[in-house]
Amino acid sequence: MTTEMSKEQGRRQGLIGTVVSDKMDKTVTVAVERTYMHRLYQRYVKRTSKYAAHDADNECHVGDRVQIISCRPLSKRKRWRVREILDRAK
């Protein structure tokens, strides 16, 4: 049974980001920053995407660094879950 769980978890997409809002109940907004090379100017560009993630125990707070993983749709905008809190806000 545990091998089936690990296979299922292995297929899920995971991202690391920072919590920017925790005002909702059981939901946090996570900002994920990525960098890519601009095709024309050959410079690195930063882009930020915000995801609504499910936080069942309301443990996350603004400034925490968290890992989120994809899951089934939980609501209109929530398709991610907080897997673990990597760093707490100071």
Protein backbone atom coordinates (compact mmCIF):
# COMPACT_ATOMS: atom_id res chain seq x y z
CA MET A 1 0.00 0.00 0.00
CA THR A 2 2.83 2.42 0.77
CA THR A 3 4.43 1.80 -2.62
CA GLU A 4 1.16 2.78 -4.33
CA MET A 5 1.07 5.99 -2.29
CA SER A 6 4.67 6.86 -3.19
CA LYS A 7 3.95 6.26 -6.89
CA GLU A 8 0.91 8.53 -6.69
CA GLN A 9 2.88 11.25 -4.91
CA GLY A 10 5.69 10.94 -7.46
CA ARG A 11 3.42 11.99 -10.33
CA ARG A 12 2.25 15.17 -8.62
CA GLN A 13 3.74 18.51 -9.56
CA GLY A 14 5.42 20.36 -6.72
CA LEU A 15 6.39 24.01 -6.28
CA ILE A 16 8.11 26.07 -3.57
CA GLY A 17 6.91 29.56 -2.74
CA THR A 18 6.14 32.16 -0.10
CA VAL A 19 2.79 32.68 1.60
CA VAL A 20 1.51 36.18 0.77
CA SER A 21 -2.00 35.93 2.25
CA ASP A 22 -3.62 33.82 4.98
CA LYS A 23 -6.86 35.77 5.45
CA MET A 24 -9.08 32.97 4.11
CA ASP A 25 -10.24 29.98 6.12
CA LYS A 26 -8.22 26.84 5.29
CA THR A 27 -6.69 28.58 2.25
CA VAL A 28 -3.43 30.44 1.70
CA THR A 29 -2.14 32.34 -1.32
CA VAL A 30 1.36 31.26 -2.32
CA ALA A 31 3.59 33.33 -4.62
CA VAL A 32 6.00 31.23 -6.69
CA GLU A 33 8.85 33.06 -8.40
CA ARG A 34 10.59 31.65 -11.47
CA THR A 35 13.36 32.98 -13.67
CA TYR A 36 13.85 32.38 -17.37
CA MET A 37 16.12 33.63 -20.12
CA HIS A 38 14.61 36.31 -22.38
CA ARG A 39 14.85 35.17 -26.00
CA LEU A 40 15.77 38.51 -27.54
CA TYR A 41 17.75 40.28 -24.81
CA GLN A 42 19.49 37.22 -23.33
CA ARG A 43 18.83 38.41 -19.77
CA TYR A 44 17.18 36.60 -16.89
CA VAL A 45 13.63 37.75 -16.17
CA LYS A 46 11.68 37.09 -12.96
CA ARG A 47 8.02 36.12 -13.11
CA THR A 48 5.70 35.55 -10.15
CA SER A 49 2.60 33.36 -10.17
CA LYS A 50 0.10 33.18 -7.32
CA TYR A 51 -1.66 29.95 -6.37
CA ALA A 52 -4.48 29.29 -3.91
CA ALA A 53 -3.47 26.32 -1.76
CA HIS A 54 -5.41 24.26 0.78
CA ASP A 55 -4.15 24.56 4.37
CA ALA A 56 -6.46 22.33 6.41
CA ASP A 57 -5.13 23.26 9.87
CA ASN A 58 -4.55 26.99 9.22
CA GLU A 59 -0.87 26.54 10.18
CA CYS A 60 0.67 28.82 7.52
CA HIS A 61 1.19 32.52 8.05
CA VAL A 62 2.37 35.38 5.84
CA GLY A 63 6.08 35.07 5.07
CA ASP A 64 6.34 31.30 5.53
CA ARG A 65 8.20 29.37 2.82
CA VAL A 66 6.11 26.34 1.85
CA GLN A 67 6.06 23.45 -0.59
CA ILE A 68 2.78 22.93 -2.45
CA ILE A 69 1.70 19.95 -4.55
CA SER A 70 -1.02 19.62 -7.14
CA CYS A 71 -4.23 17.79 -6.26
CA ARG A 72 -7.81 17.37 -7.44
CA PRO A 73 -9.91 20.55 -7.71
CA LEU A 74 -11.05 21.52 -4.21
CA SER A 75 -12.95 24.66 -5.26
CA LYS A 76 -13.14 27.11 -8.16
CA ARG A 77 -9.51 28.28 -7.81
CA LYS A 78 -7.92 25.74 -5.43
CA ARG A 79 -5.94 22.99 -7.18
CA TRP A 80 -2.96 22.87 -4.78
CA ARG A 81 -2.30 21.63 -1.23
CA VAL A 82 0.34 22.72 1.25
CA ARG A 83 2.61 19.72 1.66
CA GLU A 84 5.00 21.13 4.27
CA ILE A 85 6.24 24.34 5.79
CA LEU A 86 9.94 24.70 4.99
CA ASP A 87 10.74 27.94 6.87
CA ARG A 88 8.67 29.94 9.33
CA ALA A 89 8.42 33.72 9.06
CA LYS A 90 10.57 35.62 11.50
